[in-house]
Amino acid sequence: MRIRMLTGMPEGAARNGQPWPAEGEEADLPTAEAAHLVASGIAEEVADPEPKPRRRAKSQSEEER
């Protein structure tokens, strides 16, 4: 699950040996961990961008017009 941090963690705080993302940064975390942070108000879920609509190829009859 992709999240965006809403608050900064204390200096020196680490997650699995890596520093936490800074406030405003995004990170991919396991769903359960990310959901806990979102429920706690520490992070918000980042929605996947909507895929752009695919253009429909013109059919031969449309091209002849």
C-alpha atoms as a PDB file:
ATOM      1  CA  MET A   1       0.000   0.000   0.000  1.00  0.00           C
ATOM      2  CA  ARG A   2       1.365   3.404  -0.922  1.00  0.00           C
ATOM      3  CA  ILE A   3       1.199   6.088   1.770  1.00  0.00           C
ATOM      4  CA  ARG A   4       2.242   9.717   2.254  1.00  0.00           C
ATOM      5  CA  MET A   5       3.585  10.688   5.661  1.00  0.00           C
ATOM      6  CA  LEU A   6       1.593  13.459   7.357  1.00  0.00           C
ATOM      7  CA  THR A   7       3.900  13.788  10.355  1.00  0.00           C
ATOM      8  CA  GLY A   8       7.602  13.392  10.814  1.00  0.00           C
ATOM      9  CA  MET A   9       8.958  10.637  13.017  1.00  0.00           C
ATOM     10  CA  PRO A  10      11.394  11.476  15.827  1.00  0.00           C
ATOM     11  CA  GLU A  11      15.022  11.873  14.823  1.00  0.00           C
ATOM     12  CA  GLY A  12      16.759   8.515  14.782  1.00  0.00           C
ATOM     13  CA  ALA A  13      13.521   6.517  14.392  1.00  0.00           C
ATOM     14  CA  ALA A  14      13.952   3.612  12.005  1.00  0.00           C
ATOM     15  CA  ARG A  15      11.783   1.003  10.340  1.00  0.00           C
ATOM     16  CA  ASN A  16      13.549  -2.290   9.574  1.00  0.00           C
ATOM     17  CA  GLY A  17      16.890  -0.508   9.919  1.00  0.00           C
ATOM     18  CA  GLN A  18      15.950   2.243   7.444  1.00  0.00           C
ATOM     19  CA  PRO A  19      14.970   5.802   8.407  1.00  0.00           C
ATOM     20  CA  TRP A  20      11.292   6.646   8.145  1.00  0.00           C
ATOM     21  CA  PRO A  21      10.219   8.777   5.169  1.00  0.00           C
ATOM     22  CA  ALA A  22      10.136  12.484   5.989  1.00  0.00           C
ATOM     23  CA  GLU A  23       6.870  14.383   6.315  1.00  0.00           C
ATOM     24  CA  GLY A  24       5.260  14.658   2.859  1.00  0.00           C
ATOM     25  CA  GLU A  25       7.287  11.803   1.341  1.00  0.00           C
ATOM     26  CA  GLU A  26       5.648   8.684  -0.068  1.00  0.00           C
ATOM     27  CA  ALA A  27       6.525   5.058   0.631  1.00  0.00           C
ATOM     28  CA  ASP A  28       5.291   1.560  -0.195  1.00  0.00           C
ATOM     29  CA  LEU A  29       4.605  -0.441   2.966  1.00  0.00           C
ATOM     30  CA  PRO A  30       2.921  -3.763   3.747  1.00  0.00           C
ATOM     31  CA  THR A  31      -0.857  -3.280   3.823  1.00  0.00           C
ATOM     32  CA  ALA A  32      -1.339  -3.981   7.541  1.00  0.00           C
ATOM     33  CA  GLU A  33       1.434  -1.589   8.577  1.00  0.00           C
ATOM     34  CA  ALA A  34       0.253   1.136   6.193  1.00  0.00           C
ATOM     35  CA  ALA A  35      -3.378   0.757   7.310  1.00  0.00           C
ATOM     36  CA  HIS A  36      -2.280   1.179  10.951  1.00  0.00           C
ATOM     37  CA  LEU A  37      -0.430   4.406  10.112  1.00  0.00           C
ATOM     38  CA  VAL A  38      -3.437   5.729   8.172  1.00  0.00           C
ATOM     39  CA  ALA A  39      -5.845   4.843  10.999  1.00  0.00           C
ATOM     40  CA  SER A  40      -3.509   6.586  13.472  1.00  0.00           C
ATOM     41  CA  GLY A  41      -3.472   9.775  11.385  1.00  0.00           C
ATOM     42  CA  ILE A  42       0.286   9.565  10.815  1.00  0.00           C
ATOM     43  CA  ALA A  43      -0.080   8.916   7.081  1.00  0.00           C
ATOM     44  CA  GLU A  44      -2.643   9.007   4.300  1.00  0.00           C
ATOM     45  CA  GLU A  45      -3.192   6.503   1.540  1.00  0.00           C
ATOM     46  CA  VAL A  46      -1.969   7.571  -1.881  1.00  0.00           C
ATOM     47  CA  ALA A  47      -4.468   6.561  -4.525  1.00  0.00           C
ATOM     48  CA  ASP A  48      -3.084   5.132  -7.710  1.00  0.00           C
ATOM     49  CA  PRO A  49      -3.523   7.609 -10.534  1.00  0.00           C
ATOM     50  CA  GLU A  50      -6.411   6.791 -12.825  1.00  0.00           C
ATOM     51  CA  PRO A  51      -5.164   5.281 -16.060  1.00  0.00           C
ATOM     52  CA  LYS A  52      -5.683   7.541 -19.017  1.00  0.00           C
ATOM     53  CA  PRO A  53      -8.530   6.442 -21.256  1.00  0.00           C
ATOM     54  CA  ARG A  54      -7.236   4.607 -24.259  1.00  0.00           C
ATOM     55  CA  ARG A  55      -7.994   6.140 -27.594  1.00  0.00           C
ATOM     56  CA  ARG A  56     -10.144   4.023 -29.757  1.00  0.00           C
ATOM     57  CA  ALA A  57      -8.580   3.185 -33.085  1.00  0.00           C
ATOM     58  CA  LYS A  58     -10.526   4.463 -36.048  1.00  0.00           C
ATOM     59  CA  SER A  59     -12.284   1.774 -37.992  1.00  0.00           C
ATOM     60  CA  GLN A  60     -11.850   1.586 -41.726  1.00  0.00           C
ATOM     61  CA  SER A  61     -15.346   2.957 -42.365  1.00  0.00           C
ATOM     62  CA  GLU A  62     -14.592   6.033 -40.203  1.00  0.00           C
ATOM     63  CA  GLU A  63     -11.359   6.687 -42.088  1.00  0.00           C
ATOM     64  CA  GLU A  64     -13.188   6.650 -45.445  1.00  0.00           C
ATOM     65  CA  ARG A  65     -15.516   9.473 -44.393  1.00  0.00           C
END
